[in-house]
Amino acid sequence: MPELPEVEAWRRSLDERLGGAVVAQAGPAHIATLKTFDPPLSALEGRRLAGVERRGKRLLFPLDGEDFVVQIHLMSAGRLRMVEPGAKRPGQPAFRLLLEDGGELVLTEAGRKKRAGVWLLTRAAAEEELAHLGPEADAIGEVELAAILRAESRRLHSFLRDQRALAGIGRAWANEILHTAKLSPYSLTTELGAGEVARLHAAIREELARGLDLRERGAADGKVYRVHRRLGEPCHVCGTPLAQVDFEEHTIFYCPQCQTGGRVLKDRRMSRLLR
């Protein structure tokens, strides 16, 4: 699932390659992937890209000296790749930009559900589209984080995944961050002490930086995640088997010893929450 480390790694790898590149052909795009129709994708053709930007988990491709911005949100299954001239490209991409030099920016999405999105927007419309996002998770200060935590009582795992509160963190990195911070996923944001807020802030910075470094070096999930999707494996800190809590749309992975004082968290669909 692409989150801030993965999306930022893509941004860095694509920025130099696409800066100054001229679009020869925009599209085709899957009907479920293209979210806007006016202006049409053909408006990009013959225009020069100005590099790649990122906001939260979204990539932005502004046009050099133009008012247009291409926005791409990969959701959970979308993937981006740069296909150089002569290289084999995917047979049915969800979206592509063909460049004048023969290279192609290709968006693919596994599975039948097409949730990834591509928008062609004016700068003003793009800013409006992104206005709901909170501060960037990797840049927030401890004081600002403390204020956001106090603003509303939330379970920590839910809070970290809320893009309106912090932009860039999803299910996987919420698991990694809370394990590093030694905090329960069910702890309430308004009940954290100063020391716990400091640990959470440090863990956010540390884990997102670790993830970005590994993704830039091409590491796969098995090398990157130490908690996420590792049910039953020994905790890399204490050796306790890692546990999970299943929800309809996501799964929480955690260490009972490091994070919950030895208590096993129960699925709220089946029993009372424990903290």
Protein backbone atom coordinates (compact mmCIF):
# COMPACT_ATOMS: atom_id res chain seq x y z
CA MET A 1 0.00 0.00 0.00
CA PRO A 2 1.74 3.22 -1.09
CA GLU A 3 2.07 5.64 1.82
CA LEU A 4 4.38 8.60 2.41
CA PRO A 5 7.70 6.69 2.19
CA GLU A 6 6.68 4.85 -0.97
CA VAL A 7 5.13 7.89 -2.69
CA GLU A 8 8.04 10.15 -1.79
CA ALA A 9 10.48 7.57 -3.14
CA TRP A 10 8.55 7.58 -6.43
CA ARG A 11 8.51 11.38 -6.45
CA ARG A 12 12.27 11.58 -6.05
CA SER A 13 12.95 8.96 -8.71
CA LEU A 14 10.58 10.60 -11.22
CA ASP A 15 11.29 14.28 -10.56
CA GLU A 16 14.59 14.56 -12.43
CA ARG A 17 13.43 12.27 -15.24
CA LEU A 18 10.19 14.14 -15.91
CA GLY A 19 11.33 17.71 -15.29
CA GLY A 20 11.37 19.35 -18.73
CA ALA A 21 9.89 16.32 -20.51
CA VAL A 22 7.29 17.07 -23.20
CA VAL A 23 4.04 15.07 -23.34
CA ALA A 24 3.44 13.51 -26.75
CA GLN A 25 0.24 11.67 -25.84
CA ALA A 26 -1.89 11.62 -22.69
CA GLY A 27 -3.90 8.47 -22.13
CA PRO A 28 -5.64 6.25 -22.70
CA ALA A 29 -7.07 6.08 -19.19
CA HIS A 30 -9.42 3.52 -17.67
CA ILE A 31 -12.91 4.97 -17.36
CA ALA A 32 -12.86 4.39 -13.59
CA THR A 33 -9.38 5.89 -13.17
CA LEU A 34 -9.88 9.25 -14.89
CA LYS A 35 -11.82 11.45 -12.47
CA THR A 36 -12.11 14.62 -14.58
CA PHE A 37 -13.20 15.31 -18.16
CA ASP A 38 -12.81 19.09 -18.53
CA PRO A 39 -10.18 19.97 -19.58
CA PRO A 40 -9.61 16.78 -21.60
CA LEU A 41 -6.36 14.83 -21.33
CA SER A 42 -5.46 15.99 -24.84
CA ALA A 43 -4.81 19.42 -23.32
CA LEU A 44 -1.55 17.98 -21.96
CA GLU A 45 -0.15 17.09 -25.37
CA GLY A 46 2.74 19.25 -26.47
CA ARG A 47 3.10 20.68 -22.96
CA ARG A 48 6.25 20.48 -20.83
CA LEU A 49 6.26 18.93 -17.35
CA ALA A 50 7.86 20.83 -14.49
CA GLY A 51 8.84 17.84 -12.37
CA VAL A 52 6.94 16.03 -9.62
CA GLU A 53 5.54 17.23 -6.30
CA ARG A 54 3.87 15.36 -3.43
CA ARG A 55 1.09 16.20 -1.00
CA GLY A 56 0.39 13.47 1.52
CA LYS A 57 -0.05 10.24 -0.46
CA ARG A 58 -0.77 12.04 -3.75
CA LEU A 59 1.60 12.87 -6.58
CA LEU A 60 1.32 16.12 -8.52
CA PHE A 61 2.71 16.71 -12.00
CA PRO A 62 2.57 20.47 -12.75
CA LEU A 63 3.10 21.82 -16.26
CA ASP A 64 5.95 24.23 -16.81
CA GLY A 65 4.56 27.77 -17.12
CA GLU A 66 0.99 26.47 -17.36
CA ASP A 67 -1.98 26.44 -15.02
CA PHE A 68 -2.59 22.69 -15.27
CA VAL A 69 -1.66 19.99 -12.75
CA VAL A 70 -2.02 16.22 -13.12
CA GLN A 71 -2.87 14.64 -9.78
CA ILE A 72 -2.47 10.90 -9.17
CA HIS A 73 -3.73 9.05 -6.09
CA LEU A 74 -2.58 5.42 -6.09
CA MET A 75 -4.95 4.27 -3.32
CA SER A 76 -4.07 0.74 -2.13
CA ALA A 77 -3.22 -1.15 -5.32
CA GLY A 78 -1.98 1.49 -7.78
CA ARG A 79 1.65 1.46 -8.89
CA LEU A 80 3.67 3.88 -11.02
CA ARG A 81 6.65 3.06 -13.19
CA MET A 82 8.77 4.81 -15.78
CA VAL A 83 9.14 2.71 -18.91
CA GLU A 84 12.13 3.81 -20.93
CA PRO A 85 12.17 3.74 -24.76
CA GLY A 86 12.35 0.20 -26.08
CA ALA A 87 11.50 -1.47 -22.78
CA LYS A 88 8.46 -3.71 -22.42
CA ARG A 89 5.45 -1.91 -20.98
CA PRO A 90 2.30 -3.29 -19.30
CA GLY A 91 -0.35 -4.41 -21.76
CA GLN A 92 -3.34 -2.64 -20.18
CA PRO A 93 -2.25 0.32 -18.07
CA ALA A 94 -4.89 2.25 -16.14
CA PHE A 95 -3.25 5.47 -17.37
CA ARG A 96 -0.15 6.51 -19.27
CA LEU A 97 1.75 9.58 -20.41
CA LEU A 98 3.84 9.05 -23.53
CA LEU A 99 6.77 11.47 -23.75
CA GLU A 100 8.35 12.89 -26.88
CA ASP A 101 11.59 11.04 -26.10
CA GLY A 102 9.73 7.71 -26.20
CA GLY A 103 9.56 7.13 -22.46
CA GLU A 104 6.24 6.41 -20.77
CA LEU A 105 4.89 7.09 -17.30
CA VAL A 106 2.56 4.15 -16.63
CA LEU A 107 -0.02 3.64 -13.89
CA THR A 108 -1.13 0.07 -13.24
CA GLU A 109 -3.59 -1.26 -10.68
CA ALA A 110 -3.95 -4.85 -9.57
CA GLY A 111 -7.34 -6.44 -9.04
CA ARG A 112 -10.76 -5.76 -10.47
CA LYS A 113 -11.56 -2.74 -8.31
CA LYS A 114 -10.15 0.39 -9.91
CA ARG A 115 -9.74 2.81 -7.01
CA ALA A 116 -6.64 4.73 -8.13
CA GLY A 117 -7.43 8.12 -9.59
CA VAL A 118 -6.06 10.59 -12.12
CA TRP A 119 -7.22 14.21 -12.23
CA LEU A 120 -6.32 17.03 -14.64
CA LEU A 121 -6.91 20.23 -12.69
CA THR A 122 -6.05 23.89 -12.66
CA ARG A 123 -3.69 24.95 -9.88
CA ALA A 124 -6.58 26.55 -7.98
CA ALA A 125 -8.74 23.45 -8.33
CA ALA A 126 -5.85 21.24 -7.20
CA GLU A 127 -5.34 23.37 -4.09
CA GLU A 128 -9.06 23.13 -3.32
CA GLU A 129 -8.95 19.37 -3.86
CA LEU A 130 -6.11 19.03 -1.34
CA ALA A 131 -7.32 21.60 1.18
CA HIS A 132 -8.76 18.98 3.54
CA LEU A 133 -5.36 17.36 4.15
CA GLY A 134 -3.59 17.89 7.45
CA PRO A 135 0.09 18.79 7.86
CA GLU A 136 2.71 16.52 6.35
CA ALA A 137 3.41 13.73 8.83
CA ASP A 138 7.18 13.80 8.29
CA ALA A 139 7.44 17.55 8.89
CA ILE A 140 5.12 18.19 11.83
CA GLY A 141 6.64 19.54 15.06
CA GLU A 142 6.04 18.04 18.47
CA VAL A 143 4.07 21.03 19.78
CA GLU A 144 1.79 21.04 16.72
CA LEU A 145 1.29 17.29 17.01
CA ALA A 146 0.34 17.62 20.67
CA ALA A 147 -2.26 20.26 19.82
CA ILE A 148 -3.82 18.08 17.10
CA LEU A 149 -3.91 15.08 19.44
CA ARG A 150 -5.75 17.09 22.09
CA ALA A 151 -8.32 18.50 19.67
CA GLU A 152 -10.45 15.33 19.49
CA SER A 153 -10.52 12.04 21.36
CA ARG A 154 -9.55 9.28 18.92
CA ARG A 155 -7.96 5.85 19.03
CA LEU A 156 -4.33 6.29 18.05
CA HIS A 157 -4.33 3.93 15.09
CA SER A 158 -7.41 5.62 13.63
CA PHE A 159 -5.89 9.05 14.23
CA LEU A 160 -2.66 8.25 12.41
CA ARG A 161 -4.58 7.00 9.36
CA ASP A 162 -6.80 10.09 9.16
CA GLN A 163 -5.46 12.26 6.32
CA ARG A 164 -7.34 15.26 7.70
CA ALA A 165 -5.23 15.06 10.86
CA LEU A 166 -1.84 14.05 9.38
CA ALA A 167 -1.13 13.58 5.70
CA GLY A 168 0.82 10.57 4.48
CA ILE A 169 0.36 7.72 6.98
CA GLY A 170 -1.79 4.67 6.26
CA ARG A 171 -2.37 1.25 7.79
CA ALA A 172 1.13 -0.17 7.40
CA TRP A 173 3.11 2.75 8.77
CA ALA A 174 0.61 3.32 11.59
CA ASN A 175 1.49 -0.21 12.75
CA GLU A 176 5.23 0.43 12.46
CA ILE A 177 5.08 3.84 14.17
CA LEU A 178 3.01 2.72 17.16
CA HIS A 179 5.29 -0.26 17.75
CA THR A 180 8.37 1.98 17.74
CA ALA A 181 6.62 4.45 20.07
CA LYS A 182 5.57 1.57 22.39
CA LEU A 183 1.97 2.77 22.35
CA SER A 184 -1.25 0.80 22.16
CA PRO A 185 -3.24 1.23 18.94
CA TYR A 186 -6.29 1.75 21.15
CA SER A 187 -4.82 4.50 23.34
CA LEU A 188 -6.82 7.71 23.24
CA THR A 189 -5.18 10.78 21.74
CA THR A 190 -6.45 13.04 24.52
CA GLU A 191 -5.02 10.82 27.27
CA LEU A 192 -1.39 10.73 26.15
CA GLY A 193 1.14 12.21 28.54
CA ALA A 194 3.93 14.53 27.45
CA GLY A 195 6.43 11.69 27.33
CA GLU A 196 4.12 9.57 25.19
CA VAL A 197 3.55 12.45 22.76
CA ALA A 198 7.32 12.89 22.50
CA ARG A 199 7.75 9.16 21.77
CA LEU A 200 5.03 9.27 19.14
CA HIS A 201 6.56 12.30 17.45
CA ALA A 202 10.01 10.73 17.39
CA ALA A 203 8.60 7.45 16.07
CA ILE A 204 6.76 9.19 13.22
CA ARG A 205 9.96 10.90 12.11
CA GLU A 206 12.12 7.81 12.61
CA GLU A 207 9.87 5.29 10.90
CA LEU A 208 8.97 7.44 7.88
CA ALA A 209 12.66 8.25 7.36
CA ARG A 210 13.59 4.56 7.68
CA GLY A 211 10.90 3.58 5.22
CA LEU A 212 11.92 6.21 2.69
CA ASP A 213 15.58 5.18 2.88
CA LEU A 214 14.72 1.53 2.32
CA ARG A 215 12.26 2.21 -0.51
CA GLU A 216 14.80 4.40 -2.30
CA ARG A 217 17.21 1.46 -2.12
CA GLY A 218 14.59 -0.79 -3.69
CA ALA A 219 13.71 -2.82 -0.58
CA ALA A 220 10.59 -4.99 -0.76
CA ASP A 221 7.89 -5.20 1.93
CA GLY A 222 9.59 -8.12 3.68
CA LYS A 223 12.68 -6.02 4.33
CA VAL A 224 10.79 -2.83 5.18
CA TYR A 225 8.01 -3.88 7.55
CA ARG A 226 9.00 -5.18 10.98
CA VAL A 227 5.45 -5.44 12.39
CA HIS A 228 2.94 -5.02 9.58
CA ARG A 229 1.68 -8.35 8.19
CA ARG A 230 3.95 -10.35 10.52
CA LEU A 231 1.32 -12.15 12.59
CA GLY A 232 2.85 -14.75 14.90
CA GLU A 233 6.44 -13.80 14.12
CA PRO A 234 8.67 -12.80 17.05
CA CYS A 235 8.81 -9.10 17.87
CA HIS A 236 12.22 -7.79 16.79
CA VAL A 237 12.53 -6.01 20.16
CA CYS A 238 11.31 -8.52 22.76
CA GLY A 239 10.62 -11.77 20.89
CA THR A 240 6.91 -11.95 21.79
CA PRO A 241 4.76 -13.29 18.94
CA LEU A 242 3.11 -10.39 17.13
CA ALA A 243 -0.68 -10.21 17.27
CA GLN A 244 -3.39 -8.67 15.13
CA VAL A 245 -6.89 -7.22 15.34
CA ASP A 246 -9.10 -7.62 12.27
CA PHE A 247 -11.52 -4.97 11.11
CA GLU A 248 -13.63 -4.95 7.98
CA GLU A 249 -11.36 -2.55 6.08
CA HIS A 250 -8.01 -2.95 7.80
CA THR A 251 -5.93 -5.02 10.21
CA ILE A 252 -3.88 -3.76 13.15
CA PHE A 253 -0.62 -5.55 13.93
CA TYR A 254 1.09 -5.00 17.29
CA CYS A 255 3.25 -6.51 20.01
CA PRO A 256 1.33 -7.37 23.20
CA GLN A 257 4.47 -7.04 25.34
CA CYS A 258 5.91 -3.80 23.92
CA GLN A 259 2.65 -1.97 23.35
CA THR A 260 -0.15 -3.22 25.61
CA GLY A 261 1.53 -4.52 28.76
CA GLY A 262 0.90 -8.14 27.84
CA ARG A 263 -2.81 -7.69 27.14
CA VAL A 264 -4.32 -9.06 23.94
CA LEU A 265 -6.58 -6.60 22.14
CA LYS A 266 -9.96 -7.92 21.12
CA ASP A 267 -11.79 -7.28 17.86
CA ARG A 268 -14.59 -4.89 18.72
CA ARG A 269 -16.92 -6.86 16.47
CA MET A 270 -16.58 -9.77 18.88
CA SER A 271 -15.78 -8.39 22.32
CA ARG A 272 -15.11 -5.33 24.41
CA LEU A 273 -12.10 -3.18 23.55
CA LEU A 274 -9.11 -3.45 25.82
CA ARG A 275 -6.47 -0.76 26.10
